[in-house]
Amino acid sequence: MDCVFCKIVKGQLPSKKVFEDERVYAFEDINPVAPTHVLIVPKKHIVGLQELTEEDACLVGHMFVVAKRIAQERNLKGGYRTVFNVGEDAGQSVFHLHLHLIGGRKMAWPPG
């Protein structure tokens, strides 16, 4: 498999690790849009949200719990954003499910 996130999870490509457990790996985005911009990636390769199955529900929930933990560690008391980009039109550029945790600055709405 030639997935860049799978290679990062396996340690074949460098990253700035933020968190890791048996289910997910979180690391700093290489093109941050805010002071905190962390990607939370399941170790299981899933192309994107559109590929989820019922069996993945706990994994996705765990991704949000990890996002909350990182946000607390980074003292993002003013708020933060969590985002799944689904498909090219939404800005998904790596086709391995990943949750963006973005915070540390004021954000506008709508986002893009």
PDB file of N, CA and C in Angstrom:
ATOM      1  N   MET A   1       0.852  -1.181   0.000  1.00  0.00           N
ATOM      2  CA  MET A   1       0.000   0.000   0.000  1.00  0.00           C
ATOM      3  C   MET A   1       0.896   1.242   0.000  1.00  0.00           C
ATOM      4  N   ASP A   2       0.527   2.219  -0.789  1.00  0.00           N
ATOM      5  CA  ASP A   2       1.340   3.425  -0.934  1.00  0.00           C
ATOM      6  C   ASP A   2       0.664   4.624  -0.260  1.00  0.00           C
ATOM      7  N   CYS A   3       0.146   4.416   0.935  1.00  0.00           N
ATOM      8  CA  CYS A   3      -0.567   5.462   1.663  1.00  0.00           C
ATOM      9  C   CYS A   3       0.414   6.198   2.576  1.00  0.00           C
ATOM     10  N   VAL A   4       0.504   7.516   2.421  1.00  0.00           N
ATOM     11  CA  VAL A   4       1.445   8.305   3.212  1.00  0.00           C
ATOM     12  C   VAL A   4       1.131   8.216   4.704  1.00  0.00           C
ATOM     13  N   PHE A   5      -0.137   8.203   5.089  1.00  0.00           N
ATOM     14  CA  PHE A   5      -0.466   8.119   6.512  1.00  0.00           C
ATOM     15  C   PHE A   5      -0.156   6.735   7.071  1.00  0.00           C
ATOM     16  N   CYS A   6      -0.349   5.685   6.296  1.00  0.00           N
ATOM     17  CA  CYS A   6       0.042   4.344   6.755  1.00  0.00           C
ATOM     18  C   CYS A   6       1.553   4.306   6.997  1.00  0.00           C
ATOM     19  N   LYS A   7       2.316   4.948   6.124  1.00  0.00           N
ATOM     20  CA  LYS A   7       3.771   4.987   6.302  1.00  0.00           C
ATOM     21  C   LYS A   7       4.161   5.787   7.543  1.00  0.00           C
ATOM     22  N   ILE A   8       3.452   6.871   7.820  1.00  0.00           N
ATOM     23  CA  ILE A   8       3.720   7.657   9.028  1.00  0.00           C
ATOM     24  C   ILE A   8       3.405   6.825  10.268  1.00  0.00           C
ATOM     25  N   VAL A   9       2.262   6.156  10.285  1.00  0.00           N
ATOM     26  CA  VAL A   9       1.869   5.324  11.418  1.00  0.00           C
ATOM     27  C   VAL A   9       2.901   4.230  11.678  1.00  0.00           C
ATOM     28  N   LYS A  10       3.452   3.655  10.614  1.00  0.00           N
ATOM     29  CA  LYS A  10       4.442   2.572  10.745  1.00  0.00           C
ATOM     30  C   LYS A  10       5.849   3.086  11.032  1.00  0.00           C
ATOM     31  N   GLY A  11       6.042   4.406  11.051  1.00  0.00           N
ATOM     32  CA  GLY A  11       7.362   4.971  11.310  1.00  0.00           C
ATOM     33  C   GLY A  11       8.273   4.992  10.092  1.00  0.00           C
ATOM     34  N   GLN A  12       7.701   4.767   8.917  1.00  0.00           N
ATOM     35  CA  GLN A  12       8.495   4.767   7.682  1.00  0.00           C
ATOM     36  C   GLN A  12       8.711   6.171   7.142  1.00  0.00           C
ATOM     37  N   LEU A  13       7.900   7.122   7.577  1.00  0.00           N
ATOM     38  CA  LEU A  13       8.058   8.535   7.236  1.00  0.00           C
ATOM     39  C   LEU A  13       8.061   9.325   8.542  1.00  0.00           C
ATOM     40  N   PRO A  14       8.815  10.417   8.595  1.00  0.00           N
ATOM     41  CA  PRO A  14       8.886  11.184   9.844  1.00  0.00           C
ATOM     42  C   PRO A  14       7.605  11.969  10.116  1.00  0.00           C
ATOM     43  N   SER A  15       7.373  12.202  11.402  1.00  0.00           N
ATOM     44  CA  SER A  15       6.252  13.041  11.842  1.00  0.00           C
ATOM     45  C   SER A  15       6.574  13.542  13.241  1.00  0.00           C
ATOM     46  N   LYS A  16       5.846  14.584  13.648  1.00  0.00           N
ATOM     47  CA  LYS A  16       5.960  15.085  15.021  1.00  0.00           C
ATOM     48  C   LYS A  16       4.793  14.505  15.808  1.00  0.00           C
ATOM     49  N   LYS A  17       5.063  13.380  16.459  1.00  0.00           N
ATOM     50  CA  LYS A  17       4.015  12.660  17.184  1.00  0.00           C
ATOM     51  C   LYS A  17       3.483  13.491  18.346  1.00  0.00           C
ATOM     52  N   VAL A  18       2.161  13.476  18.477  1.00  0.00           N
ATOM     53  CA  VAL A  18       1.467  14.145  19.567  1.00  0.00           C
ATOM     54  C   VAL A  18       0.871  13.111  20.527  1.00  0.00           C
ATOM     55  N   PHE A  19       0.372  12.013  19.976  1.00  0.00           N
ATOM     56  CA  PHE A  19      -0.300  10.989  20.774  1.00  0.00           C
ATOM     57  C   PHE A  19      -0.294   9.687  19.990  1.00  0.00           C
ATOM     58  N   GLU A  20      -0.245   8.573  20.744  1.00  0.00           N
ATOM     59  CA  GLU A  20      -0.376   7.268  20.105  1.00  0.00           C
ATOM     60  C   GLU A  20      -0.917   6.276  21.113  1.00  0.00           C
ATOM     61  N   ASP A  21      -1.826   5.430  20.640  1.00  0.00           N
ATOM     62  CA  ASP A  21      -2.264   4.274  21.404  1.00  0.00           C
ATOM     63  C   ASP A  21      -2.453   3.129  20.416  1.00  0.00           C
ATOM     64  N   GLU A  22      -3.129   2.081  20.844  1.00  0.00           N
ATOM     65  CA  GLU A  22      -3.259   0.909  19.971  1.00  0.00           C
ATOM     66  C   GLU A  22      -4.170   1.149  18.770  1.00  0.00           C
ATOM     67  N   ARG A  23      -5.005   2.192  18.810  1.00  0.00           N
ATOM     68  CA  ARG A  23      -5.977   2.425  17.736  1.00  0.00           C
ATOM     69  C   ARG A  23      -5.668   3.602  16.829  1.00  0.00           C
ATOM     70  N   VAL A  24      -5.029   4.652  17.374  1.00  0.00           N
ATOM     71  CA  VAL A  24      -4.806   5.870  16.589  1.00  0.00           C
ATOM     72  C   VAL A  24      -3.397   6.411  16.783  1.00  0.00           C
ATOM     73  N   TYR A  25      -3.017   7.240  15.835  1.00  0.00           N
ATOM     74  CA  TYR A  25      -1.749   7.961  15.875  1.00  0.00           C
ATOM     75  C   TYR A  25      -2.069   9.418  15.545  1.00  0.00           C
ATOM     76  N   ALA A  26      -1.604  10.345  16.374  1.00  0.00           N
ATOM     77  CA  ALA A  26      -1.863  11.772  16.145  1.00  0.00           C
ATOM     78  C   ALA A  26      -0.536  12.493  15.979  1.00  0.00           C
ATOM     79  N   PHE A  27      -0.507  13.417  15.009  1.00  0.00           N
ATOM     80  CA  PHE A  27       0.734  14.134  14.717  1.00  0.00           C
ATOM     81  C   PHE A  27       0.427  15.527  14.193  1.00  0.00           C
ATOM     82  N   GLU A  28       1.437  16.393  14.260  1.00  0.00           N
ATOM     83  CA  GLU A  28       1.302  17.772  13.790  1.00  0.00           C
ATOM     84  C   GLU A  28       1.140  17.793  12.267  1.00  0.00           C
ATOM     85  N   ASP A  29       0.195  18.591  11.785  1.00  0.00           N
ATOM     86  CA  ASP A  29       0.018  18.784  10.341  1.00  0.00           C
ATOM     87  C   ASP A  29       1.230  19.531   9.793  1.00  0.00           C
ATOM     88  N   ILE A  30       1.733  19.128   8.628  1.00  0.00           N
ATOM     89  CA  ILE A  30       2.921  19.791   8.066  1.00  0.00           C
ATOM     90  C   ILE A  30       2.594  21.145   7.448  1.00  0.00           C
ATOM     91  N   ASN A  31       1.309  21.423   7.221  1.00  0.00           N
ATOM     92  CA  ASN A  31       0.870  22.723   6.712  1.00  0.00           C
ATOM     93  C   ASN A  31      -0.214  23.277   7.636  1.00  0.00           C
ATOM     94  N   PRO A  32       0.162  23.670   8.851  1.00  0.00           N
ATOM     95  CA  PRO A  32      -0.860  24.085   9.826  1.00  0.00           C
ATOM     96  C   PRO A  32      -1.585  25.361   9.414  1.00  0.00           C
ATOM     97  N   VAL A  33      -2.877  25.400   9.737  1.00  0.00           N
ATOM     98  CA  VAL A  33      -3.698  26.584   9.482  1.00  0.00           C
ATOM     99  C   VAL A  33      -4.001  27.346  10.769  1.00  0.00           C
ATOM    100  N   ALA A  34      -3.441  26.870  11.887  1.00  0.00           N
ATOM    101  CA  ALA A  34      -3.632  27.495  13.195  1.00  0.00           C
ATOM    102  C   ALA A  34      -2.483  27.042  14.093  1.00  0.00           C
ATOM    103  N   PRO A  35      -2.300  27.704  15.243  1.00  0.00           N
ATOM    104  CA  PRO A  35      -1.230  27.288  16.152  1.00  0.00           C
ATOM    105  C   PRO A  35      -1.307  25.811  16.550  1.00  0.00           C
ATOM    106  N   THR A  36      -2.516  25.302  16.731  1.00  0.00           N
ATOM    107  CA  THR A  36      -2.698  23.857  16.906  1.00  0.00           C
ATOM    108  C   THR A  36      -3.384  23.327  15.663  1.00  0.00           C
ATOM    109  N   HIS A  37      -2.715  22.399  14.998  1.00  0.00           N
ATOM    110  CA  HIS A  37      -3.318  21.704  13.859  1.00  0.00           C
ATOM    111  C   HIS A  37      -2.749  20.291  13.871  1.00  0.00           C
ATOM    112  N   VAL A  38      -3.510  19.403  14.478  1.00  0.00           N
ATOM    113  CA  VAL A  38      -3.099  18.015  14.678  1.00  0.00           C
ATOM    114  C   VAL A  38      -4.006  17.124  13.846  1.00  0.00           C
ATOM    115  N   LEU A  39      -3.416  16.100  13.249  1.00  0.00           N
ATOM    116  CA  LEU A  39      -4.180  15.095  12.521  1.00  0.00           C
ATOM    117  C   LEU A  39      -4.261  13.842  13.381  1.00  0.00           C
ATOM    118  N   ILE A  40      -5.459  13.317  13.530  1.00  0.00           N
ATOM    119  CA  ILE A  40      -5.688  12.098  14.299  1.00  0.00           C
ATOM    120  C   ILE A  40      -6.095  11.031  13.290  1.00  0.00           C
ATOM    121  N   VAL A  41      -5.260  10.000  13.190  1.00  0.00           N
ATOM    122  CA  VAL A  41      -5.363   9.009  12.122  1.00  0.00           C
ATOM    123  C   VAL A  41      -5.570   7.614  12.729  1.00  0.00           C
ATOM    124  N   PRO A  42      -6.572   6.881  12.276  1.00  0.00           N
ATOM    125  CA  PRO A  42      -6.679   5.499  12.756  1.00  0.00           C
ATOM    126  C   PRO A  42      -5.530   4.662  12.185  1.00  0.00           C
ATOM    127  N   LYS A  43      -5.053   3.725  12.970  1.00  0.00           N
ATOM    128  CA  LYS A  43      -3.997   2.836  12.475  1.00  0.00           C
ATOM    129  C   LYS A  43      -4.551   1.883  11.404  1.00  0.00           C
ATOM    130  N   LYS A  44      -5.829   1.599  11.486  1.00  0.00           N
ATOM    131  CA  LYS A  44      -6.498   0.803  10.451  1.00  0.00           C
ATOM    132  C   LYS A  44      -6.697   1.695   9.228  1.00  0.00           C
ATOM    133  N   HIS A  45      -6.317   1.217   8.059  1.00  0.00           N
ATOM    134  CA  HIS A  45      -6.506   2.018   6.852  1.00  0.00           C
ATOM    135  C   HIS A  45      -7.985   2.019   6.451  1.00  0.00           C
ATOM    136  N   ILE A  46      -8.553   3.214   6.475  1.00  0.00           N
ATOM    137  CA  ILE A  46      -9.912   3.456   5.991  1.00  0.00           C
ATOM    138  C   ILE A  46      -9.777   4.638   5.036  1.00  0.00           C
ATOM    139  N   VAL A  47     -10.264   4.498   3.818  1.00  0.00           N
ATOM    140  CA  VAL A  47     -10.089   5.531   2.797  1.00  0.00           C
ATOM    141  C   VAL A  47     -10.658   6.869   3.251  1.00  0.00           C
ATOM    142  N   GLY A  48     -11.853   6.855   3.802  1.00  0.00           N
ATOM    143  CA  GLY A  48     -12.490   8.094   4.228  1.00  0.00           C
ATOM    144  C   GLY A  48     -13.797   7.799   4.928  1.00  0.00           C
ATOM    145  N   LEU A  49     -14.469   8.845   5.341  1.00  0.00           N
ATOM    146  CA  LEU A  49     -15.728   8.705   6.069  1.00  0.00           C
ATOM    147  C   LEU A  49     -16.746   7.893   5.272  1.00  0.00           C
ATOM    148  N   GLN A  50     -16.736   8.038   3.967  1.00  0.00           N
ATOM    149  CA  GLN A  50     -17.694   7.326   3.121  1.00  0.00           C
ATOM    150  C   GLN A  50     -17.466   5.817   3.120  1.00  0.00           C
ATOM    151  N   GLU A  51     -16.327   5.363   3.631  1.00  0.00           N
ATOM    152  CA  GLU A  51     -16.001   3.929   3.657  1.00  0.00           C
ATOM    153  C   GLU A  51     -16.281   3.290   5.016  1.00  0.00           C
ATOM    154  N   LEU A  52     -16.753   4.068   5.993  1.00  0.00           N
ATOM    155  CA  LEU A  52     -16.972   3.534   7.335  1.00  0.00           C
ATOM    156  C   LEU A  52     -18.026   2.442   7.343  1.00  0.00           C
ATOM    157  N   THR A  53     -17.843   1.529   8.291  1.00  0.00           N
ATOM    158  CA  THR A  53     -18.846   0.497   8.548  1.00  0.00           C
ATOM    159  C   THR A  53     -19.294   0.631  10.003  1.00  0.00           C
ATOM    160  N   GLU A  54     -20.333  -0.078  10.372  1.00  0.00           N
ATOM    161  CA  GLU A  54     -20.805  -0.071  11.758  1.00  0.00           C
ATOM    162  C   GLU A  54     -19.689  -0.483  12.716  1.00  0.00           C
ATOM    163  N   GLU A  55     -18.816  -1.377  12.272  1.00  0.00           N
ATOM    164  CA  GLU A  55     -17.718  -1.840  13.123  1.00  0.00           C
ATOM    165  C   GLU A  55     -16.713  -0.727  13.429  1.00  0.00           C
ATOM    166  N   ASP A  56     -16.714   0.339  12.639  1.00  0.00           N
ATOM    167  CA  ASP A  56     -15.776   1.442  12.834  1.00  0.00           C
ATOM    168  C   ASP A  56     -16.315   2.528  13.768  1.00  0.00           C
ATOM    169  N   ALA A  57     -17.551   2.403  14.224  1.00  0.00           N
ATOM    170  CA  ALA A  57     -18.171   3.457  15.022  1.00  0.00           C
ATOM    171  C   ALA A  57     -17.383   3.761  16.291  1.00  0.00           C
ATOM    172  N   CYS A  58     -16.939   2.752  16.990  1.00  0.00           N
ATOM    173  CA  CYS A  58     -16.167   2.975  18.224  1.00  0.00           C
ATOM    174  C   CYS A  58     -14.830   3.631  17.919  1.00  0.00           C
ATOM    175  N   LEU A  59     -14.222   3.281  16.810  1.00  0.00           N
ATOM    176  CA  LEU A  59     -12.945   3.876  16.419  1.00  0.00           C
ATOM    177  C   LEU A  59     -13.104   5.375  16.160  1.00  0.00           C
ATOM    178  N   VAL A  60     -14.137   5.760  15.444  1.00  0.00           N
ATOM    179  CA  VAL A  60     -14.378   7.175  15.162  1.00  0.00           C
ATOM    180  C   VAL A  60     -14.689   7.925  16.451  1.00  0.00           C
ATOM    181  N   GLY A  61     -15.475   7.333  17.322  1.00  0.00           N
ATOM    182  CA  GLY A  61     -15.734   7.946  18.621  1.00  0.00           C
ATOM    183  C   GLY A  61     -14.447   8.135  19.403  1.00  0.00           C
ATOM    184  N   HIS A  62     -13.569   7.164  19.353  1.00  0.00           N
ATOM    185  CA  HIS A  62     -12.279   7.255  20.038  1.00  0.00           C
ATOM    186  C   HIS A  62     -11.441   8.399  19.461  1.00  0.00           C
ATOM    187  N   MET A  63     -11.518   8.619  18.163  1.00  0.00           N
ATOM    188  CA  MET A  63     -10.779   9.722  17.544  1.00  0.00           C
ATOM    189  C   MET A  63     -11.200  11.054  18.160  1.00  0.00           C
ATOM    190  N   PHE A  64     -12.495  11.230  18.416  1.00  0.00           N
ATOM    191  CA  PHE A  64     -12.983  12.468  19.033  1.00  0.00           C
ATOM    192  C   PHE A  64     -12.552  12.581  20.494  1.00  0.00           C
ATOM    193  N   VAL A  65     -12.506  11.463  21.210  1.00  0.00           N
ATOM    194  CA  VAL A  65     -12.032  11.486  22.597  1.00  0.00           C
ATOM    195  C   VAL A  65     -10.559  11.898  22.627  1.00  0.00           C
ATOM    196  N   VAL A  66      -9.774  11.398  21.679  1.00  0.00           N
ATOM    197  CA  VAL A  66      -8.358  11.785  21.584  1.00  0.00           C
ATOM    198  C   VAL A  66      -8.245  13.273  21.251  1.00  0.00           C
ATOM    199  N   ALA A  67      -9.088  13.764  20.353  1.00  0.00           N
ATOM    200  CA  ALA A  67      -9.086  15.200  20.018  1.00  0.00           C
ATOM    201  C   ALA A  67      -9.355  16.033  21.262  1.00  0.00           C
ATOM    202  N   LYS A  68     -10.328  15.632  22.058  1.00  0.00           N
ATOM    203  CA  LYS A  68     -10.653  16.349  23.300  1.00  0.00           C
ATOM    204  C   LYS A  68      -9.457  16.347  24.242  1.00  0.00           C
ATOM    205  N   ARG A  69      -8.805  15.216  24.371  1.00  0.00           N
ATOM    206  CA  ARG A  69      -7.642  15.106  25.258  1.00  0.00           C
ATOM    207  C   ARG A  69      -6.516  16.046  24.823  1.00  0.00           C
ATOM    208  N   ILE A  70      -6.224  16.061  23.529  1.00  0.00           N
ATOM    209  CA  ILE A  70      -5.167  16.935  23.017  1.00  0.00           C
ATOM    210  C   ILE A  70      -5.548  18.398  23.204  1.00  0.00           C
ATOM    211  N   ALA A  71      -6.812  18.732  22.948  1.00  0.00           N
ATOM    212  CA  ALA A  71      -7.287  20.111  23.132  1.00  0.00           C
ATOM    213  C   ALA A  71      -7.126  20.542  24.586  1.00  0.00           C
ATOM    214  N   GLN A  72      -7.427  19.658  25.517  1.00  0.00           N
ATOM    215  CA  GLN A  72      -7.249  19.978  26.935  1.00  0.00           C
ATOM    216  C   GLN A  72      -5.772  20.165  27.268  1.00  0.00           C
ATOM    217  N   GLU A  73      -4.923  19.270  26.748  1.00  0.00           N
ATOM    218  CA  GLU A  73      -3.482  19.379  26.998  1.00  0.00           C
ATOM    219  C   GLU A  73      -2.911  20.683  26.458  1.00  0.00           C
ATOM    220  N   ARG A  74      -3.495  21.176  25.377  1.00  0.00           N
ATOM    221  CA  ARG A  74      -3.010  22.402  24.741  1.00  0.00           C
ATOM    222  C   ARG A  74      -3.752  23.647  25.236  1.00  0.00           C
ATOM    223  N   ASN A  75      -4.618  23.448  26.209  1.00  0.00           N
ATOM    224  CA  ASN A  75      -5.319  24.552  26.850  1.00  0.00           C
ATOM    225  C   ASN A  75      -6.152  25.369  25.859  1.00  0.00           C
ATOM    226  N   LEU A  76      -6.869  24.687  24.983  1.00  0.00           N
ATOM    227  CA  LEU A  76      -7.693  25.360  23.975  1.00  0.00           C
ATOM    228  C   LEU A  76      -9.065  25.694  24.564  1.00  0.00           C
ATOM    229  N   LYS A  77      -9.072  26.457  25.649  1.00  0.00           N
ATOM    230  CA  LYS A  77     -10.303  26.777  26.372  1.00  0.00           C
ATOM    231  C   LYS A  77     -11.240  27.668  25.577  1.00  0.00           C
ATOM    232  N   GLY A  78     -10.696  28.474  24.659  1.00  0.00           N
ATOM    233  CA  GLY A  78     -11.533  29.363  23.869  1.00  0.00           C
ATOM    234  C   GLY A  78     -12.288  28.660  22.761  1.00  0.00           C
ATOM    235  N   GLY A  79     -11.942  27.416  22.507  1.00  0.00           N
ATOM    236  CA  GLY A  79     -12.617  26.636  21.476  1.00  0.00           C
ATOM    237  C   GLY A  79     -11.648  26.058  20.466  1.00  0.00           C
ATOM    238  N   TYR A  80     -12.162  25.146  19.697  1.00  0.00           N
ATOM    239  CA  TYR A  80     -11.385  24.496  18.641  1.00  0.00           C
ATOM    240  C   TYR A  80     -12.355  23.875  17.656  1.00  0.00           C
ATOM    241  N   ARG A  81     -11.813  23.451  16.545  1.00  0.00           N
ATOM    242  CA  ARG A  81     -12.635  22.859  15.496  1.00  0.00           C
ATOM    243  C   ARG A  81     -12.120  21.457  15.201  1.00  0.00           C
ATOM    244  N   THR A  82     -13.043  20.519  14.955  1.00  0.00           N
ATOM    245  CA  THR A  82     -12.687  19.182  14.475  1.00  0.00           C
ATOM    246  C   THR A  82     -13.334  19.016  13.112  1.00  0.00           C
ATOM    247  N   VAL A  83     -12.570  18.488  12.176  1.00  0.00           N
ATOM    248  CA  VAL A  83     -13.043  18.429  10.783  1.00  0.00           C
ATOM    249  C   VAL A  83     -12.633  17.115  10.127  1.00  0.00           C
ATOM    250  N   PHE A  84     -13.591  16.488   9.457  1.00  0.00           N
ATOM    251  CA  PHE A  84     -13.322  15.413   8.507  1.00  0.00           C
ATOM    252  C   PHE A  84     -13.584  16.006   7.121  1.00  0.00           C
ATOM    253  N   ASN A  85     -12.603  16.018   6.252  1.00  0.00           N
ATOM    254  CA  ASN A  85     -12.832  16.370   4.851  1.00  0.00           C
ATOM    255  C   ASN A  85     -13.176  15.075   4.124  1.00  0.00           C
ATOM    256  N   VAL A  86     -14.265  15.072   3.389  1.00  0.00           N
ATOM    257  CA  VAL A  86     -14.735  13.855   2.727  1.00  0.00           C
ATOM    258  C   VAL A  86     -14.751  14.079   1.225  1.00  0.00           C
ATOM    259  N   GLY A  87     -13.774  13.531   0.537  1.00  0.00           N
ATOM    260  CA  GLY A  87     -13.682  13.647  -0.908  1.00  0.00           C
ATOM    261  C   GLY A  87     -12.902  14.867  -1.369  1.00  0.00           C
ATOM    262  N   GLU A  88     -12.526  14.838  -2.621  1.00  0.00           N
ATOM    263  CA  GLU A  88     -11.704  15.908  -3.201  1.00  0.00           C
ATOM    264  C   GLU A  88     -12.378  17.270  -3.140  1.00  0.00           C
ATOM    265  N   ASP A  89     -13.681  17.338  -3.414  1.00  0.00           N
ATOM    266  CA  ASP A  89     -14.372  18.625  -3.405  1.00  0.00           C
ATOM    267  C   ASP A  89     -14.367  19.275  -2.025  1.00  0.00           C
ATOM    268  N   ALA A  90     -14.217  18.477  -0.979  1.00  0.00           N
ATOM    269  CA  ALA A  90     -14.179  19.007   0.386  1.00  0.00           C
ATOM    270  C   ALA A  90     -12.748  19.289   0.852  1.00  0.00           C
ATOM    271  N   GLY A  91     -11.771  18.981   0.009  1.00  0.00           N
ATOM    272  CA  GLY A  91     -10.389  19.263   0.363  1.00  0.00           C
ATOM    273  C   GLY A  91      -9.603  18.065   0.854  1.00  0.00           C
ATOM    274  N   GLN A  92     -10.183  16.866   0.790  1.00  0.00           N
ATOM    275  CA  GLN A  92      -9.423  15.688   1.212  1.00  0.00           C
ATOM    276  C   GLN A  92      -8.315  15.432   0.196  1.00  0.00           C
ATOM    277  N   SER A  93      -7.073  15.430   0.671  1.00  0.00           N
ATOM    278  CA  SER A  93      -5.941  15.219  -0.234  1.00  0.00           C
ATOM    279  C   SER A  93      -5.203  13.920   0.063  1.00  0.00           C
ATOM    280  N   VAL A  94      -5.368  13.373   1.257  1.00  0.00           N
ATOM    281  CA  VAL A  94      -4.805  12.065   1.593  1.00  0.00           C
ATOM    282  C   VAL A  94      -5.993  11.152   1.873  1.00  0.00           C
ATOM    283  N   PHE A  95      -6.068  10.061   1.140  1.00  0.00           N
ATOM    284  CA  PHE A  95      -7.230   9.192   1.225  1.00  0.00           C
ATOM    285  C   PHE A  95      -7.001   8.066   2.234  1.00  0.00           C
ATOM    286  N   HIS A  96      -6.850   8.524   3.474  1.00  0.00           N
ATOM    287  CA  HIS A  96      -6.815   7.702   4.693  1.00  0.00           C
ATOM    288  C   HIS A  96      -7.555   8.561   5.709  1.00  0.00           C
ATOM    289  N   LEU A  97      -8.620   8.034   6.271  1.00  0.00           N
ATOM    290  CA  LEU A  97      -9.447   8.787   7.204  1.00  0.00           C
ATOM    291  C   LEU A  97      -8.572   9.528   8.212  1.00  0.00           C
ATOM    292  N   HIS A  98      -8.858  10.811   8.422  1.00  0.00           N
ATOM    293  CA  HIS A  98      -8.135  11.586   9.431  1.00  0.00           C
ATOM    294  C   HIS A  98      -9.006  12.736   9.916  1.00  0.00           C
ATOM    295  N   LEU A  99      -8.883  12.990  11.205  1.00  0.00           N
ATOM    296  CA  LEU A  99      -9.629  14.053  11.859  1.00  0.00           C
ATOM    297  C   LEU A  99      -8.672  15.205  12.137  1.00  0.00           C
ATOM    298  N   HIS A 100      -9.013  16.393  11.645  1.00  0.00           N
ATOM    299  CA  HIS A 100      -8.219  17.590  11.920  1.00  0.00           C
ATOM    300  C   HIS A 100      -8.679  18.175  13.256  1.00  0.00           C
ATOM    301  N   LEU A 101      -7.742  18.483  14.130  1.00  0.00           N
ATOM    302  CA  LEU A 101      -7.994  19.251  15.347  1.00  0.00           C
ATOM    303  C   LEU A 101      -7.303  20.584  15.140  1.00  0.00           C
ATOM    304  N   ILE A 102      -8.100  21.653  15.073  1.00  0.00           N
ATOM    305  CA  ILE A 102      -7.581  22.983  14.739  1.00  0.00           C
ATOM    306  C   ILE A 102      -7.991  23.953  15.840  1.00  0.00           C
ATOM    307  N   GLY A 103      -7.019  24.688  16.383  1.00  0.00           N
ATOM    308  CA  GLY A 103      -7.341  25.642  17.432  1.00  0.00           C
ATOM    309  C   GLY A 103      -6.192  26.592  17.717  1.00  0.00           C
ATOM    310  N   GLY A 104      -6.441  27.472  18.672  1.00  0.00           N
ATOM    311  CA  GLY A 104      -5.419  28.427  19.069  1.00  0.00           C
ATOM    312  C   GLY A 104      -5.555  29.781  18.397  1.00  0.00           C
ATOM    313  N   ARG A 105      -6.624  29.962  17.641  1.00  0.00           N
ATOM    314  CA  ARG A 105      -6.915  31.260  17.017  1.00  0.00           C
ATOM    315  C   ARG A 105      -8.416  31.362  16.804  1.00  0.00           C
ATOM    316  N   LYS A 106      -8.889  32.567  16.597  1.00  0.00           N
ATOM    317  CA  LYS A 106     -10.307  32.804  16.291  1.00  0.00           C
ATOM    318  C   LYS A 106     -10.585  32.297  14.876  1.00  0.00           C
ATOM    319  N   MET A 107     -11.693  31.622  14.696  1.00  0.00           N
ATOM    320  CA  MET A 107     -12.065  31.087  13.377  1.00  0.00           C
ATOM    321  C   MET A 107     -13.354  31.719  12.890  1.00  0.00           C
ATOM    322  N   ALA A 108     -13.466  31.789  11.594  1.00  0.00           N
ATOM    323  CA  ALA A 108     -14.659  32.368  10.962  1.00  0.00           C
ATOM    324  C   ALA A 108     -15.609  31.265  10.521  1.00  0.00           C
ATOM    325  N   TRP A 109     -16.837  31.687  10.228  1.00  0.00           N
ATOM    326  CA  TRP A 109     -17.834  30.763   9.669  1.00  0.00           C
ATOM    327  C   TRP A 109     -18.549  31.465   8.539  1.00  0.00           C
ATOM    328  N   PRO A 110     -18.781  30.872   7.418  1.00  0.00           N
ATOM    329  CA  PRO A 110     -18.479  29.492   7.093  1.00  0.00           C
ATOM    330  C   PRO A 110     -16.986  29.278   6.856  1.00  0.00           C
ATOM    331  N   PRO A 111     -16.541  28.025   6.992  1.00  0.00           N
ATOM    332  CA  PRO A 111     -15.108  27.746   6.983  1.00  0.00           C
ATOM    333  C   PRO A 111     -14.416  27.771   5.629  1.00  0.00           C
ATOM    334  N   GLY A 112     -15.062  27.694   4.525  1.00  0.00           N
ATOM    335  CA  GLY A 112     -14.218  27.605   3.351  1.00  0.00           C
ATOM    336  C   GLY A 112     -14.809  28.042   2.094  1.00  0.00           C
TER     337      GLY A 112
END
